[in-house]
Amino acid sequence: MTKKEVTHLIRNRRVFALTLFMPLLLMTIVGLAFTGEVKHITTVIVNKDGGPLSQTFVDALKVSDTLRIRYYAEDEPQAEALVRDGLAKVVILIPSTFEDDLKSSRGIVYV
């Protein structure tokens, strides 16, 4: 990409976030589609960032048939309690540095 294209991409935060996360989301969905019927996994979101990019990411997750976002937790212990009590199967933790990491290309994804 040229510098001009990258500049335009970064200015539009929604497009920037979707450019980063949609391939990951699609790979996950396609991977699960070919390994069996895994749908509607009850999920807890811990959004420590709270910024517009993290909300865009959560919105992208909501449209997935694979995940069923049922709970929003304030912190990790609350999310872990939901999993321990059998109310949820997956926790997605969005760190407080999410937006800054994306803007500086330091974003790390752990699976």
N, C-alpha and C. Protein backbone atom coordinates (compact mmCIF):
# COMPACT_ATOMS: atom_id res chain seq x y z
N MET A 1 0.83 -1.18 0.00
CA MET A 1 0.00 0.00 0.00
C MET A 1 0.88 1.24 0.00
N THR A 2 0.36 2.25 -0.58
CA THR A 2 1.10 3.50 -0.57
C THR A 2 0.78 4.27 0.70
N LYS A 3 1.60 5.26 0.97
CA LYS A 3 1.42 6.06 2.18
C LYS A 3 0.06 6.77 2.16
N LYS A 4 -0.36 7.23 0.99
CA LYS A 4 -1.63 7.93 0.87
C LYS A 4 -2.80 7.00 1.22
N GLU A 5 -2.75 5.77 0.75
CA GLU A 5 -3.82 4.81 1.04
C GLU A 5 -3.87 4.47 2.53
N VAL A 6 -2.72 4.32 3.13
CA VAL A 6 -2.67 4.02 4.56
C VAL A 6 -3.23 5.20 5.36
N THR A 7 -2.89 6.41 4.96
CA THR A 7 -3.40 7.60 5.63
C THR A 7 -4.92 7.66 5.56
N HIS A 8 -5.49 7.39 4.40
CA HIS A 8 -6.95 7.38 4.25
C HIS A 8 -7.58 6.27 5.08
N LEU A 9 -6.93 5.14 5.14
CA LEU A 9 -7.43 4.00 5.90
C LEU A 9 -7.47 4.32 7.39
N ILE A 10 -6.42 4.95 7.90
CA ILE A 10 -6.33 5.26 9.32
C ILE A 10 -7.32 6.35 9.71
N ARG A 11 -7.61 7.27 8.82
CA ARG A 11 -8.54 8.36 9.13
C ARG A 11 -9.96 7.84 9.39
N ASN A 12 -10.36 6.83 8.65
CA ASN A 12 -11.69 6.26 8.84
C ASN A 12 -11.55 5.08 9.80
N ARG A 13 -11.81 5.31 11.08
CA ARG A 13 -11.55 4.31 12.12
C ARG A 13 -12.38 3.05 11.94
N ARG A 14 -13.61 3.21 11.51
CA ARG A 14 -14.47 2.03 11.34
C ARG A 14 -13.92 1.12 10.25
N VAL A 15 -13.52 1.70 9.13
CA VAL A 15 -12.94 0.90 8.05
C VAL A 15 -11.62 0.28 8.50
N PHE A 16 -10.84 1.03 9.23
CA PHE A 16 -9.56 0.54 9.74
C PHE A 16 -9.77 -0.69 10.63
N ALA A 17 -10.71 -0.59 11.56
CA ALA A 17 -10.98 -1.71 12.46
C ALA A 17 -11.50 -2.92 11.70
N LEU A 18 -12.42 -2.68 10.78
CA LEU A 18 -12.96 -3.80 10.00
C LEU A 18 -11.90 -4.44 9.13
N THR A 19 -10.98 -3.64 8.61
CA THR A 19 -9.89 -4.18 7.79
C THR A 19 -9.00 -5.10 8.62
N LEU A 20 -8.82 -4.78 9.88
CA LEU A 20 -7.99 -5.62 10.74
C LEU A 20 -8.72 -6.85 11.25
N PHE A 21 -9.98 -6.69 11.63
CA PHE A 21 -10.66 -7.77 12.34
C PHE A 21 -11.51 -8.68 11.48
N MET A 22 -12.02 -8.20 10.37
CA MET A 22 -12.86 -9.06 9.56
C MET A 22 -12.12 -10.29 9.04
N PRO A 23 -10.87 -10.18 8.59
CA PRO A 23 -10.17 -11.40 8.17
C PRO A 23 -10.03 -12.42 9.31
N LEU A 24 -9.73 -11.94 10.51
CA LEU A 24 -9.63 -12.85 11.66
C LEU A 24 -10.97 -13.50 11.96
N LEU A 25 -12.02 -12.71 11.94
CA LEU A 25 -13.35 -13.23 12.21
C LEU A 25 -13.77 -14.23 11.14
N LEU A 26 -13.52 -13.89 9.89
CA LEU A 26 -13.89 -14.80 8.80
C LEU A 26 -13.10 -16.09 8.85
N MET A 27 -11.81 -16.02 9.17
CA MET A 27 -11.01 -17.25 9.30
C MET A 27 -11.56 -18.13 10.41
N THR A 28 -11.96 -17.52 11.50
CA THR A 28 -12.52 -18.29 12.61
C THR A 28 -13.82 -18.96 12.20
N ILE A 29 -14.69 -18.19 11.57
CA ILE A 29 -15.99 -18.73 11.16
C ILE A 29 -15.81 -19.84 10.14
N VAL A 30 -14.99 -19.62 9.13
CA VAL A 30 -14.77 -20.64 8.11
C VAL A 30 -14.10 -21.87 8.72
N GLY A 31 -13.14 -21.67 9.59
CA GLY A 31 -12.47 -22.79 10.25
C GLY A 31 -13.44 -23.63 11.06
N LEU A 32 -14.31 -22.97 11.78
CA LEU A 32 -15.30 -23.71 12.57
C LEU A 32 -16.34 -24.38 11.69
N ALA A 33 -16.66 -23.74 10.57
CA ALA A 33 -17.65 -24.32 9.66
C ALA A 33 -17.19 -25.65 9.09
N PHE A 34 -15.90 -25.80 8.87
CA PHE A 34 -15.39 -27.03 8.28
C PHE A 34 -14.98 -28.07 9.31
N THR A 35 -15.00 -27.72 10.58
CA THR A 35 -14.62 -28.70 11.60
C THR A 35 -15.82 -29.25 12.34
N GLY A 36 -16.99 -28.82 12.02
CA GLY A 36 -18.19 -29.34 12.67
C GLY A 36 -19.17 -28.23 12.96
N GLU A 37 -20.26 -28.62 13.56
CA GLU A 37 -21.32 -27.67 13.88
C GLU A 37 -21.06 -27.00 15.22
N VAL A 38 -20.41 -25.90 15.19
CA VAL A 38 -20.20 -25.11 16.40
C VAL A 38 -20.91 -23.79 16.18
N LYS A 39 -22.02 -23.63 16.87
CA LYS A 39 -22.80 -22.41 16.72
C LYS A 39 -23.29 -21.94 18.08
N HIS A 40 -23.50 -20.67 18.15
CA HIS A 40 -24.13 -20.05 19.32
C HIS A 40 -23.38 -20.35 20.62
N ILE A 41 -22.08 -20.11 20.61
CA ILE A 41 -21.28 -20.28 21.82
C ILE A 41 -21.55 -19.09 22.73
N THR A 42 -22.04 -19.37 23.91
CA THR A 42 -22.37 -18.30 24.85
C THR A 42 -21.08 -17.59 25.27
N THR A 43 -21.06 -16.27 25.05
CA THR A 43 -19.83 -15.49 25.17
C THR A 43 -20.00 -14.33 26.13
N VAL A 44 -18.92 -14.02 26.85
CA VAL A 44 -18.85 -12.85 27.74
C VAL A 44 -17.84 -11.88 27.14
N ILE A 45 -18.19 -10.62 27.07
CA ILE A 45 -17.28 -9.57 26.60
C ILE A 45 -16.83 -8.73 27.79
N VAL A 46 -15.53 -8.54 27.91
CA VAL A 46 -14.96 -7.61 28.88
C VAL A 46 -14.28 -6.53 28.06
N ASN A 47 -14.93 -5.37 27.94
CA ASN A 47 -14.42 -4.28 27.11
C ASN A 47 -13.81 -3.22 28.01
N LYS A 48 -12.51 -3.33 28.26
CA LYS A 48 -11.82 -2.37 29.11
C LYS A 48 -11.49 -1.08 28.38
N ASP A 49 -11.52 -1.11 27.05
CA ASP A 49 -11.17 0.07 26.26
C ASP A 49 -12.36 1.03 26.18
N GLY A 50 -13.49 0.55 25.75
CA GLY A 50 -14.69 1.37 25.67
C GLY A 50 -14.70 2.39 24.55
N GLY A 51 -13.68 2.40 23.70
CA GLY A 51 -13.62 3.36 22.61
C GLY A 51 -14.42 2.91 21.40
N PRO A 52 -14.49 3.78 20.39
CA PRO A 52 -15.28 3.45 19.20
C PRO A 52 -14.75 2.24 18.43
N LEU A 53 -13.43 2.04 18.41
CA LEU A 53 -12.90 0.89 17.68
C LEU A 53 -13.23 -0.42 18.40
N SER A 54 -13.18 -0.40 19.71
CA SER A 54 -13.53 -1.62 20.44
C SER A 54 -15.02 -1.92 20.28
N GLN A 55 -15.84 -0.89 20.22
CA GLN A 55 -17.27 -1.11 20.00
C GLN A 55 -17.53 -1.64 18.60
N THR A 56 -16.77 -1.17 17.62
CA THR A 56 -16.88 -1.69 16.26
C THR A 56 -16.51 -3.17 16.23
N PHE A 57 -15.49 -3.54 16.96
CA PHE A 57 -15.08 -4.94 17.05
C PHE A 57 -16.19 -5.78 17.68
N VAL A 58 -16.78 -5.30 18.77
CA VAL A 58 -17.87 -6.03 19.42
C VAL A 58 -19.06 -6.15 18.47
N ASP A 59 -19.37 -5.09 17.75
CA ASP A 59 -20.47 -5.14 16.78
C ASP A 59 -20.22 -6.18 15.70
N ALA A 60 -18.96 -6.31 15.27
CA ALA A 60 -18.62 -7.32 14.27
C ALA A 60 -18.79 -8.73 14.84
N LEU A 61 -18.49 -8.90 16.11
CA LEU A 61 -18.67 -10.21 16.75
C LEU A 61 -20.15 -10.56 16.91
N LYS A 62 -20.98 -9.55 17.12
CA LYS A 62 -22.42 -9.79 17.33
C LYS A 62 -23.09 -10.42 16.12
N VAL A 63 -22.61 -10.14 14.92
CA VAL A 63 -23.26 -10.66 13.72
C VAL A 63 -22.85 -12.09 13.41
N SER A 64 -21.94 -12.64 14.17
CA SER A 64 -21.46 -14.00 13.96
C SER A 64 -22.49 -15.01 14.45
N ASP A 65 -22.71 -16.06 13.67
CA ASP A 65 -23.55 -17.17 14.13
C ASP A 65 -22.80 -18.05 15.12
N THR A 66 -21.50 -17.95 15.11
CA THR A 66 -20.68 -18.79 15.98
C THR A 66 -20.80 -18.35 17.43
N LEU A 67 -20.77 -17.05 17.66
CA LEU A 67 -20.82 -16.53 19.03
C LEU A 67 -22.20 -15.99 19.35
N ARG A 68 -22.61 -16.19 20.58
CA ARG A 68 -23.84 -15.57 21.08
C ARG A 68 -23.43 -14.76 22.30
N ILE A 69 -23.30 -13.47 22.09
CA ILE A 69 -22.85 -12.59 23.18
C ILE A 69 -24.03 -12.36 24.12
N ARG A 70 -23.92 -12.95 25.29
CA ARG A 70 -25.00 -12.89 26.28
C ARG A 70 -24.69 -11.98 27.45
N TYR A 71 -23.40 -11.82 27.74
CA TYR A 71 -23.01 -11.11 28.95
C TYR A 71 -21.91 -10.09 28.65
N TYR A 72 -21.95 -9.00 29.41
CA TYR A 72 -20.89 -8.00 29.40
C TYR A 72 -20.42 -7.87 30.85
N ALA A 73 -19.15 -8.16 31.07
CA ALA A 73 -18.60 -8.11 32.43
C ALA A 73 -17.72 -6.87 32.59
N GLU A 74 -17.62 -6.40 33.81
CA GLU A 74 -16.79 -5.23 34.12
C GLU A 74 -15.31 -5.59 34.20
N ASP A 75 -15.01 -6.82 34.62
CA ASP A 75 -13.61 -7.22 34.81
C ASP A 75 -13.48 -8.73 34.63
N GLU A 76 -12.23 -9.20 34.67
CA GLU A 76 -11.95 -10.62 34.45
C GLU A 76 -12.57 -11.53 35.51
N PRO A 77 -12.49 -11.19 36.81
CA PRO A 77 -13.09 -12.08 37.81
C PRO A 77 -14.60 -12.29 37.59
N GLN A 78 -15.28 -11.23 37.21
CA GLN A 78 -16.72 -11.35 36.95
C GLN A 78 -16.97 -12.27 35.75
N ALA A 79 -16.15 -12.13 34.70
CA ALA A 79 -16.28 -12.98 33.51
C ALA A 79 -15.94 -14.43 33.85
N GLU A 80 -14.89 -14.63 34.62
CA GLU A 80 -14.50 -15.98 35.02
C GLU A 80 -15.59 -16.65 35.86
N ALA A 81 -16.27 -15.88 36.68
CA ALA A 81 -17.36 -16.43 37.49
C ALA A 81 -18.50 -16.91 36.60
N LEU A 82 -18.79 -16.17 35.54
CA LEU A 82 -19.84 -16.60 34.60
C LEU A 82 -19.47 -17.91 33.92
N VAL A 83 -18.19 -18.07 33.58
CA VAL A 83 -17.73 -19.32 32.96
C VAL A 83 -17.76 -20.45 33.99
N ARG A 84 -17.28 -20.17 35.17
CA ARG A 84 -17.23 -21.18 36.24
C ARG A 84 -18.64 -21.67 36.61
N ASP A 85 -19.61 -20.74 36.59
CA ASP A 85 -20.99 -21.10 36.92
C ASP A 85 -21.72 -21.77 35.76
N GLY A 86 -21.04 -21.91 34.63
CA GLY A 86 -21.64 -22.59 33.48
C GLY A 86 -22.57 -21.72 32.65
N LEU A 87 -22.57 -20.41 32.90
CA LEU A 87 -23.44 -19.51 32.15
C LEU A 87 -22.83 -19.09 30.82
N ALA A 88 -21.52 -19.21 30.68
CA ALA A 88 -20.83 -18.83 29.44
C ALA A 88 -19.71 -19.82 29.18
N LYS A 89 -19.32 -19.91 27.91
CA LYS A 89 -18.24 -20.82 27.50
C LYS A 89 -16.97 -20.08 27.12
N VAL A 90 -17.10 -18.83 26.65
CA VAL A 90 -15.97 -18.08 26.10
C VAL A 90 -15.94 -16.68 26.70
N VAL A 91 -14.73 -16.18 26.97
CA VAL A 91 -14.54 -14.80 27.39
C VAL A 91 -13.68 -14.11 26.35
N ILE A 92 -14.13 -12.96 25.87
CA ILE A 92 -13.33 -12.14 24.97
C ILE A 92 -12.95 -10.89 25.75
N LEU A 93 -11.65 -10.73 25.98
CA LEU A 93 -11.13 -9.60 26.74
C LEU A 93 -10.55 -8.57 25.79
N ILE A 94 -11.10 -7.37 25.82
CA ILE A 94 -10.59 -6.26 25.02
C ILE A 94 -9.82 -5.36 25.98
N PRO A 95 -8.48 -5.29 25.84
CA PRO A 95 -7.68 -4.54 26.81
C PRO A 95 -7.89 -3.03 26.72
N SER A 96 -7.50 -2.34 27.77
CA SER A 96 -7.67 -0.89 27.82
C SER A 96 -6.83 -0.17 26.78
N THR A 97 -5.81 -0.82 26.26
CA THR A 97 -4.93 -0.22 25.25
C THR A 97 -5.32 -0.61 23.83
N PHE A 98 -6.49 -1.18 23.64
CA PHE A 98 -6.93 -1.72 22.36
C PHE A 98 -6.80 -0.70 21.22
N GLU A 99 -7.42 0.46 21.36
CA GLU A 99 -7.41 1.45 20.29
C GLU A 99 -6.01 1.99 20.04
N ASP A 100 -5.28 2.29 21.11
CA ASP A 100 -3.91 2.79 20.95
C ASP A 100 -3.01 1.75 20.27
N ASP A 101 -3.18 0.48 20.64
CA ASP A 101 -2.38 -0.58 20.02
C ASP A 101 -2.69 -0.70 18.53
N LEU A 102 -3.96 -0.57 18.18
CA LEU A 102 -4.32 -0.64 16.76
C LEU A 102 -3.71 0.52 15.97
N LYS A 103 -3.80 1.69 16.55
CA LYS A 103 -3.28 2.87 15.86
C LYS A 103 -1.77 2.81 15.68
N SER A 104 -1.09 2.16 16.62
CA SER A 104 0.37 2.08 16.53
C SER A 104 0.85 0.74 15.98
N SER A 105 -0.09 -0.07 15.49
CA SER A 105 0.22 -1.38 14.89
C SER A 105 0.90 -2.32 15.88
N ARG A 106 0.55 -2.21 17.16
CA ARG A 106 1.10 -3.11 18.17
C ARG A 106 0.08 -4.15 18.61
N GLY A 107 -1.04 -4.23 17.92
CA GLY A 107 -2.10 -5.15 18.32
C GLY A 107 -1.64 -6.59 18.31
N ILE A 108 -1.92 -7.30 19.39
CA ILE A 108 -1.56 -8.71 19.51
C ILE A 108 -2.85 -9.48 19.78
N VAL A 109 -3.00 -10.58 19.10
CA VAL A 109 -4.17 -11.43 19.30
C VAL A 109 -3.71 -12.76 19.86
N TYR A 110 -4.27 -13.15 20.98
CA TYR A 110 -3.99 -14.46 21.58
C TYR A 110 -5.19 -15.35 21.36
N VAL A 111 -4.94 -16.56 20.89
CA VAL A 111 -6.04 -17.51 20.67
C VAL A 111 -5.87 -18.68 21.61
